[in-house]
Amino acid sequence: MRSISVLTGAGISAESGIATFRGSGGLWEGHDIREVATPEAWVKDYKKVLRFYNERRRGVGIAKPNKAHIALAELQKYLEVKVITQNIDHLHEDAGSKDVLHLHGEIVKARSSGNESYIVDIGFRDIEDGETCPDGYQMRPHIVWFGEQVPAMAKAAQIVSESDVLMVVGTSLEVYPAAGLLHFAPPDSEIILVDPGSISVEMSLSSRVKHFKSKASEGVYDALRYLGVELKK
């Protein structure tokens, strides 16, 4: 069975109604990302950060998987599929994907602000001001903020390096280090991009890239057909 790794970005979740910040002047649901999604923002006003992510969590809680999520879950019947997502929602899991790696954390989890190893599932409830871990630190969203390391990158790179196909869905490949995962694809592997925008890749990769210039819910089906997998929409 051929193996495929799928890197997904904000574009796939946008079709389920989850807001993105790319292309909107650095604003995320009306907030400057520097004020709500950085370690400095947490130090400056952690209550504001908690409120922002509590609101986000409620919104994510009512979102439903779209056709692209469902198609990628359906693909498990035909290929070995591993999803690497930059998204913090659980729409891939809700659609039925079994092997999902979250690069930037998960909105349904919280962690200690002083001990990164203390992580708990919270579902879609709020994180309260004064809610602490056993060590006494305030709990924070289990999200990788701008300026923080991405602990899952090494595992993601290994997944890509062992895949026959790398499919990139709903991302402009502007966010690093995730965009650098293309360079871990084996030389004889296929690279497929699904995104309505113009995507620039380095010359060393361009001859290997097949670009389906459409939104995720349409382009994923076209890409799978290209790979010889026909799914009903």
C-alpha atoms as a PDB file:
ATOM      1  CA  MET A   1       0.000   0.000   0.000  1.00  0.00           C
ATOM      2  CA  ARG A   2       1.341   3.443  -0.943  1.00  0.00           C
ATOM      3  CA  SER A   3       1.812   5.900   1.900  1.00  0.00           C
ATOM      4  CA  ILE A   4       0.748   9.531   1.766  1.00  0.00           C
ATOM      5  CA  SER A   5       1.422  12.349   4.178  1.00  0.00           C
ATOM      6  CA  VAL A   6      -0.991  15.265   4.041  1.00  0.00           C
ATOM      7  CA  LEU A   7       0.008  18.699   5.335  1.00  0.00           C
ATOM      8  CA  THR A   8      -3.052  20.869   5.926  1.00  0.00           C
ATOM      9  CA  GLY A   9      -3.364  24.546   6.722  1.00  0.00           C
ATOM     10  CA  ALA A  10      -5.960  27.179   7.517  1.00  0.00           C
ATOM     11  CA  GLY A  11      -7.602  26.978   4.084  1.00  0.00           C
ATOM     12  CA  ILE A  12      -9.149  23.588   4.755  1.00  0.00           C
ATOM     13  CA  SER A  13     -10.711  24.727   8.046  1.00  0.00           C
ATOM     14  CA  ALA A  14     -11.847  28.049   6.591  1.00  0.00           C
ATOM     15  CA  GLU A  15     -14.426  26.145   4.555  1.00  0.00           C
ATOM     16  CA  SER A  16     -15.895  24.939   7.860  1.00  0.00           C
ATOM     17  CA  GLY A  17     -16.272  28.531   9.050  1.00  0.00           C
ATOM     18  CA  ILE A  18     -13.106  28.809  11.141  1.00  0.00           C
ATOM     19  CA  ALA A  19     -11.501  32.212  10.689  1.00  0.00           C
ATOM     20  CA  THR A  20      -7.928  32.670   9.486  1.00  0.00           C
ATOM     21  CA  PHE A  21      -5.572  35.615   9.838  1.00  0.00           C
ATOM     22  CA  ARG A  22      -3.494  35.264   6.671  1.00  0.00           C
ATOM     23  CA  GLY A  23      -4.266  37.926   4.091  1.00  0.00           C
ATOM     24  CA  SER A  24      -6.113  40.119   6.587  1.00  0.00           C
ATOM     25  CA  GLY A  25      -3.358  42.464   7.726  1.00  0.00           C
ATOM     26  CA  GLY A  26      -2.256  40.250  10.597  1.00  0.00           C
ATOM     27  CA  LEU A  27      -5.686  40.446  12.213  1.00  0.00           C
ATOM     28  CA  TRP A  28      -7.315  37.342  13.644  1.00  0.00           C
ATOM     29  CA  GLU A  29     -11.033  37.799  14.326  1.00  0.00           C
ATOM     30  CA  GLY A  30     -10.358  41.508  14.815  1.00  0.00           C
ATOM     31  CA  HIS A  31      -7.318  41.028  17.066  1.00  0.00           C
ATOM     32  CA  ASP A  32      -3.702  41.846  16.324  1.00  0.00           C
ATOM     33  CA  ILE A  33      -1.993  38.453  16.548  1.00  0.00           C
ATOM     34  CA  ARG A  34       0.855  40.061  18.518  1.00  0.00           C
ATOM     35  CA  GLU A  35      -1.656  40.851  21.258  1.00  0.00           C
ATOM     36  CA  VAL A  36      -3.144  37.353  21.572  1.00  0.00           C
ATOM     37  CA  ALA A  37      -0.812  34.756  20.058  1.00  0.00           C
ATOM     38  CA  THR A  38       2.705  35.388  21.342  1.00  0.00           C
ATOM     39  CA  PRO A  39       4.551  34.651  24.616  1.00  0.00           C
ATOM     40  CA  GLU A  40       4.886  38.416  25.064  1.00  0.00           C
ATOM     41  CA  ALA A  41       1.115  38.824  24.889  1.00  0.00           C
ATOM     42  CA  TRP A  42       0.704  36.230  27.657  1.00  0.00           C
ATOM     43  CA  VAL A  43       3.135  38.090  29.915  1.00  0.00           C
ATOM     44  CA  LYS A  44       1.529  41.441  29.144  1.00  0.00           C
ATOM     45  CA  ASP A  45      -2.124  40.430  29.616  1.00  0.00           C
ATOM     46  CA  TYR A  46      -2.764  36.717  30.066  1.00  0.00           C
ATOM     47  CA  LYS A  47      -6.436  37.321  30.866  1.00  0.00           C
ATOM     48  CA  LYS A  48      -6.939  38.834  27.409  1.00  0.00           C
ATOM     49  CA  VAL A  49      -5.241  35.816  25.832  1.00  0.00           C
ATOM     50  CA  LEU A  50      -7.454  33.440  27.822  1.00  0.00           C
ATOM     51  CA  ARG A  51     -10.587  35.306  26.728  1.00  0.00           C
ATOM     52  CA  PHE A  52      -9.528  35.214  23.097  1.00  0.00           C
ATOM     53  CA  TYR A  53      -8.889  31.467  23.068  1.00  0.00           C
ATOM     54  CA  ASN A  54     -11.993  30.721  25.112  1.00  0.00           C
ATOM     55  CA  GLU A  55     -14.012  32.468  22.405  1.00  0.00           C
ATOM     56  CA  ARG A  56     -12.114  30.597  19.697  1.00  0.00           C
ATOM     57  CA  ARG A  57     -12.749  27.289  21.445  1.00  0.00           C
ATOM     58  CA  ARG A  58     -16.505  27.891  21.498  1.00  0.00           C
ATOM     59  CA  GLY A  59     -16.464  28.653  17.776  1.00  0.00           C
ATOM     60  CA  VAL A  60     -14.412  25.579  16.940  1.00  0.00           C
ATOM     61  CA  GLY A  61     -16.786  23.499  19.061  1.00  0.00           C
ATOM     62  CA  ILE A  62     -19.685  24.080  16.667  1.00  0.00           C
ATOM     63  CA  ALA A  63     -17.709  23.713  13.416  1.00  0.00           C
ATOM     64  CA  LYS A  64     -18.229  20.602  11.307  1.00  0.00           C
ATOM     65  CA  PRO A  65     -15.843  18.788   8.935  1.00  0.00           C
ATOM     66  CA  ASN A  66     -16.245  19.709   5.287  1.00  0.00           C
ATOM     67  CA  LYS A  67     -15.873  17.604   2.145  1.00  0.00           C
ATOM     68  CA  ALA A  68     -12.090  17.901   2.144  1.00  0.00           C
ATOM     69  CA  HIS A  69     -11.774  16.560   5.708  1.00  0.00           C
ATOM     70  CA  ILE A  70     -14.167  13.733   4.871  1.00  0.00           C
ATOM     71  CA  ALA A  71     -12.308  12.845   1.659  1.00  0.00           C
ATOM     72  CA  LEU A  72      -8.980  12.588   3.472  1.00  0.00           C
ATOM     73  CA  ALA A  73     -10.565  10.325   6.085  1.00  0.00           C
ATOM     74  CA  GLU A  74     -12.115   8.219   3.324  1.00  0.00           C
ATOM     75  CA  LEU A  75      -8.699   7.917   1.684  1.00  0.00           C
ATOM     76  CA  GLN A  76      -7.606   5.660   4.563  1.00  0.00           C
ATOM     77  CA  LYS A  77      -9.482   2.840   2.810  1.00  0.00           C
ATOM     78  CA  TYR A  78      -7.045   2.995  -0.104  1.00  0.00           C
ATOM     79  CA  LEU A  79      -3.723   4.350   1.170  1.00  0.00           C
ATOM     80  CA  GLU A  80      -1.714   4.607   4.350  1.00  0.00           C
ATOM     81  CA  VAL A  81      -2.552   8.184   5.359  1.00  0.00           C
ATOM     82  CA  LYS A  82      -0.864  10.380   7.943  1.00  0.00           C
ATOM     83  CA  VAL A  83      -2.175  13.905   8.423  1.00  0.00           C
ATOM     84  CA  ILE A  84       0.084  16.696   9.619  1.00  0.00           C
ATOM     85  CA  THR A  85      -1.985  19.782  10.348  1.00  0.00           C
ATOM     86  CA  GLN A  86      -1.113  23.342  11.224  1.00  0.00           C
ATOM     87  CA  ASN A  87      -4.681  23.776  12.462  1.00  0.00           C
ATOM     88  CA  ILE A  88      -5.632  23.673  16.130  1.00  0.00           C
ATOM     89  CA  ASP A  89      -9.144  22.282  15.592  1.00  0.00           C
ATOM     90  CA  HIS A  90     -10.099  18.591  15.589  1.00  0.00           C
ATOM     91  CA  LEU A  91     -11.988  18.531  12.282  1.00  0.00           C
ATOM     92  CA  HIS A  92      -9.729  15.855  10.820  1.00  0.00           C
ATOM     93  CA  GLU A  93     -10.438  13.596  13.792  1.00  0.00           C
ATOM     94  CA  ASP A  94     -14.155  14.433  13.659  1.00  0.00           C
ATOM     95  CA  ALA A  95     -14.188  13.358  10.011  1.00  0.00           C
ATOM     96  CA  GLY A  96     -12.604  10.031  10.915  1.00  0.00           C
ATOM     97  CA  SER A  97      -8.871  10.467  10.280  1.00  0.00           C
ATOM     98  CA  LYS A  98      -6.983   8.140  12.619  1.00  0.00           C
ATOM     99  CA  ASP A  99      -3.391   9.374  12.384  1.00  0.00           C
ATOM    100  CA  VAL A 100      -3.215  13.151  12.931  1.00  0.00           C
ATOM    101  CA  LEU A 101      -0.221  15.166  14.130  1.00  0.00           C
ATOM    102  CA  HIS A 102      -0.952  18.720  15.296  1.00  0.00           C
ATOM    103  CA  LEU A 103       2.048  20.959  14.644  1.00  0.00           C
ATOM    104  CA  HIS A 104       0.689  24.038  16.388  1.00  0.00           C
ATOM    105  CA  GLY A 105      -1.163  22.461  19.292  1.00  0.00           C
ATOM    106  CA  GLU A 106      -4.808  21.683  19.983  1.00  0.00           C
ATOM    107  CA  ILE A 107      -7.577  24.026  21.096  1.00  0.00           C
ATOM    108  CA  VAL A 108      -9.213  21.226  23.129  1.00  0.00           C
ATOM    109  CA  LYS A 109      -6.184  20.918  25.405  1.00  0.00           C
ATOM    110  CA  ALA A 110      -4.602  23.119  28.067  1.00  0.00           C
ATOM    111  CA  ARG A 111      -1.136  23.047  29.540  1.00  0.00           C
ATOM    112  CA  SER A 112       0.787  24.533  32.420  1.00  0.00           C
ATOM    113  CA  SER A 113       2.308  27.940  31.707  1.00  0.00           C
ATOM    114  CA  GLY A 114       5.385  26.836  33.661  1.00  0.00           C
ATOM    115  CA  ASN A 115       5.701  23.146  32.796  1.00  0.00           C
ATOM    116  CA  GLU A 116       5.257  22.227  29.131  1.00  0.00           C
ATOM    117  CA  SER A 117       4.902  18.524  29.911  1.00  0.00           C
ATOM    118  CA  TYR A 118       1.705  18.993  31.936  1.00  0.00           C
ATOM    119  CA  ILE A 119      -1.088  18.801  29.342  1.00  0.00           C
ATOM    120  CA  VAL A 120      -4.755  17.976  29.926  1.00  0.00           C
ATOM    121  CA  ASP A 121      -7.823  17.524  27.725  1.00  0.00           C
ATOM    122  CA  ILE A 122     -10.483  20.155  28.422  1.00  0.00           C
ATOM    123  CA  GLY A 123     -12.875  19.687  25.531  1.00  0.00           C
ATOM    124  CA  PHE A 124     -14.620  22.922  24.599  1.00  0.00           C
ATOM    125  CA  ARG A 125     -14.907  24.475  28.051  1.00  0.00           C
ATOM    126  CA  ASP A 126     -13.177  27.712  29.065  1.00  0.00           C
ATOM    127  CA  ILE A 127      -9.813  27.928  30.789  1.00  0.00           C
ATOM    128  CA  GLU A 128     -10.483  30.009  33.888  1.00  0.00           C
ATOM    129  CA  ASP A 129      -8.323  32.753  35.359  1.00  0.00           C
ATOM    130  CA  GLY A 130      -6.847  31.139  38.487  1.00  0.00           C
ATOM    131  CA  GLU A 131      -7.096  27.605  37.090  1.00  0.00           C
ATOM    132  CA  THR A 132      -3.712  26.115  37.933  1.00  0.00           C
ATOM    133  CA  CYS A 133      -1.801  22.878  37.420  1.00  0.00           C
ATOM    134  CA  PRO A 134      -0.528  20.858  40.436  1.00  0.00           C
ATOM    135  CA  ASP A 135       2.671  22.954  40.450  1.00  0.00           C
ATOM    136  CA  GLY A 136       0.649  26.117  40.878  1.00  0.00           C
ATOM    137  CA  TYR A 137       1.153  27.620  37.422  1.00  0.00           C
ATOM    138  CA  GLN A 138      -1.749  29.188  35.555  1.00  0.00           C
ATOM    139  CA  MET A 139      -3.096  26.926  32.810  1.00  0.00           C
ATOM    140  CA  ARG A 140      -2.774  28.254  29.256  1.00  0.00           C
ATOM    141  CA  PRO A 141      -3.996  27.070  25.844  1.00  0.00           C
ATOM    142  CA  HIS A 142      -2.001  24.161  24.418  1.00  0.00           C
ATOM    143  CA  ILE A 143      -1.111  26.227  21.372  1.00  0.00           C
ATOM    144  CA  VAL A 144       2.268  26.949  19.791  1.00  0.00           C
ATOM    145  CA  TRP A 145       2.400  30.735  19.643  1.00  0.00           C
ATOM    146  CA  PHE A 146       4.411  32.845  17.230  1.00  0.00           C
ATOM    147  CA  GLY A 147       7.994  32.943  18.471  1.00  0.00           C
ATOM    148  CA  GLU A 148       7.806  29.542  20.192  1.00  0.00           C
ATOM    149  CA  GLN A 149       9.490  26.317  19.125  1.00  0.00           C
ATOM    150  CA  VAL A 150       7.422  23.678  17.284  1.00  0.00           C
ATOM    151  CA  PRO A 151       8.129  20.456  19.200  1.00  0.00           C
ATOM    152  CA  ALA A 152       6.353  18.208  16.682  1.00  0.00           C
ATOM    153  CA  MET A 153       8.503  19.286  13.716  1.00  0.00           C
ATOM    154  CA  ALA A 154      10.973  16.407  14.026  1.00  0.00           C
ATOM    155  CA  LYS A 155       8.192  13.832  13.952  1.00  0.00           C
ATOM    156  CA  ALA A 156       6.525  15.623  11.037  1.00  0.00           C
ATOM    157  CA  ALA A 157       9.767  15.606   9.063  1.00  0.00           C
ATOM    158  CA  GLN A 158      10.163  11.871   9.674  1.00  0.00           C
ATOM    159  CA  ILE A 159       6.600  11.201   8.472  1.00  0.00           C
ATOM    160  CA  VAL A 160       7.197  13.142   5.251  1.00  0.00           C
ATOM    161  CA  SER A 161      10.554  11.465   4.668  1.00  0.00           C
ATOM    162  CA  GLU A 162       8.908   8.029   4.761  1.00  0.00           C
ATOM    163  CA  SER A 163       6.006   8.860   2.406  1.00  0.00           C
ATOM    164  CA  ASP A 164       5.515   8.053  -1.268  1.00  0.00           C
ATOM    165  CA  VAL A 165       3.333  11.141  -1.735  1.00  0.00           C
ATOM    166  CA  LEU A 166       3.185  14.501   0.027  1.00  0.00           C
ATOM    167  CA  MET A 167      -0.077  16.404  -0.431  1.00  0.00           C
ATOM    168  CA  VAL A 168      -0.306  19.989   0.819  1.00  0.00           C
ATOM    169  CA  VAL A 169      -3.850  21.318   1.276  1.00  0.00           C
ATOM    170  CA  GLY A 170      -5.064  24.796   2.155  1.00  0.00           C
ATOM    171  CA  THR A 171      -1.800  26.522   2.953  1.00  0.00           C
ATOM    172  CA  SER A 172       0.194  29.166   1.125  1.00  0.00           C
ATOM    173  CA  LEU A 173       3.463  27.642   2.380  1.00  0.00           C
ATOM    174  CA  GLU A 174       4.430  30.991   3.897  1.00  0.00           C
ATOM    175  CA  VAL A 175       4.555  29.792   7.503  1.00  0.00           C
ATOM    176  CA  TYR A 176       7.859  28.322   8.620  1.00  0.00           C
ATOM    177  CA  PRO A 177       9.068  25.927   9.819  1.00  0.00           C
ATOM    178  CA  ALA A 178       6.080  23.935   8.492  1.00  0.00           C
ATOM    179  CA  ALA A 179       6.663  25.088   4.901  1.00  0.00           C
ATOM    180  CA  GLY A 180      10.130  23.553   5.062  1.00  0.00           C
ATOM    181  CA  LEU A 181       8.626  20.060   5.285  1.00  0.00           C
ATOM    182  CA  LEU A 182       8.606  19.879   1.477  1.00  0.00           C
ATOM    183  CA  HIS A 183      12.367  19.448   1.588  1.00  0.00           C
ATOM    184  CA  PHE A 184      12.020  16.214   3.543  1.00  0.00           C
ATOM    185  CA  ALA A 185      10.023  14.527   0.784  1.00  0.00           C
ATOM    186  CA  PRO A 186      12.067  11.691  -0.779  1.00  0.00           C
ATOM    187  CA  PRO A 187      13.544  12.526  -4.217  1.00  0.00           C
ATOM    188  CA  ASP A 188      11.326   9.973  -5.953  1.00  0.00           C
ATOM    189  CA  SER A 189       8.108  10.996  -4.182  1.00  0.00           C
ATOM    190  CA  GLU A 190       5.249  13.025  -5.638  1.00  0.00           C
ATOM    191  CA  ILE A 191       4.355  16.473  -4.263  1.00  0.00           C
ATOM    192  CA  ILE A 192       0.806  17.712  -4.774  1.00  0.00           C
ATOM    193  CA  LEU A 193      -0.444  21.172  -3.788  1.00  0.00           C
ATOM    194  CA  VAL A 194      -4.112  22.049  -3.366  1.00  0.00           C
ATOM    195  CA  ASP A 195      -4.695  25.774  -2.846  1.00  0.00           C
ATOM    196  CA  PRO A 196      -6.486  28.483  -4.864  1.00  0.00           C
ATOM    197  CA  GLY A 197      -3.608  30.938  -4.531  1.00  0.00           C
ATOM    198  CA  SER A 198      -0.346  31.197  -6.405  1.00  0.00           C
ATOM    199  CA  ILE A 199       2.303  29.259  -4.526  1.00  0.00           C
ATOM    200  CA  SER A 200       5.996  29.707  -5.135  1.00  0.00           C
ATOM    201  CA  VAL A 201       8.282  26.776  -4.470  1.00  0.00           C
ATOM    202  CA  GLU A 202      12.026  26.653  -4.902  1.00  0.00           C
ATOM    203  CA  MET A 203      13.382  25.669  -8.309  1.00  0.00           C
ATOM    204  CA  SER A 204      14.785  22.471  -6.827  1.00  0.00           C
ATOM    205  CA  LEU A 205      11.209  21.337  -6.134  1.00  0.00           C
ATOM    206  CA  SER A 206       9.179  22.978  -8.889  1.00  0.00           C
ATOM    207  CA  SER A 207       9.540  20.181 -11.457  1.00  0.00           C
ATOM    208  CA  ARG A 208       8.115  17.668  -8.964  1.00  0.00           C
ATOM    209  CA  VAL A 209       5.067  19.696  -7.954  1.00  0.00           C
ATOM    210  CA  LYS A 210       1.538  19.238  -9.295  1.00  0.00           C
ATOM    211  CA  HIS A 211      -0.638  22.213  -8.322  1.00  0.00           C
ATOM    212  CA  PHE A 212      -4.443  22.016  -8.214  1.00  0.00           C
ATOM    213  CA  LYS A 213      -5.422  25.667  -8.017  1.00  0.00           C
ATOM    214  CA  SER A 214      -8.741  25.383  -6.223  1.00  0.00           C
ATOM    215  CA  LYS A 215     -10.182  25.407  -2.746  1.00  0.00           C
ATOM    216  CA  ALA A 216      -9.757  22.346  -0.568  1.00  0.00           C
ATOM    217  CA  SER A 217     -13.268  20.906  -0.866  1.00  0.00           C
ATOM    218  CA  GLU A 218     -12.896  20.690  -4.659  1.00  0.00           C
ATOM    219  CA  GLY A 219      -9.156  20.293  -5.158  1.00  0.00           C
ATOM    220  CA  VAL A 220      -8.718  17.327  -2.838  1.00  0.00           C
ATOM    221  CA  TYR A 221     -11.030  15.227  -5.005  1.00  0.00           C
ATOM    222  CA  ASP A 222      -9.145  16.286  -8.152  1.00  0.00           C
ATOM    223  CA  ALA A 223      -5.824  15.453  -6.507  1.00  0.00           C
ATOM    224  CA  LEU A 224      -7.025  12.032  -5.396  1.00  0.00           C
ATOM    225  CA  ARG A 225      -8.334  11.314  -8.883  1.00  0.00           C
ATOM    226  CA  TYR A 226      -4.862  12.208 -10.174  1.00  0.00           C
ATOM    227  CA  LEU A 227      -3.484   9.584  -7.777  1.00  0.00           C
ATOM    228  CA  GLY A 228      -5.948   7.021  -9.083  1.00  0.00           C
ATOM    229  CA  VAL A 229      -8.442   7.183  -6.204  1.00  0.00           C
ATOM    230  CA  GLU A 230     -12.008   8.066  -7.211  1.00  0.00           C
ATOM    231  CA  LEU A 231     -14.236   9.217  -4.348  1.00  0.00           C
ATOM    232  CA  LYS A 232     -17.863  10.286  -4.489  1.00  0.00           C
ATOM    233  CA  LYS A 233     -18.419  13.903  -3.470  1.00  0.00           C
END
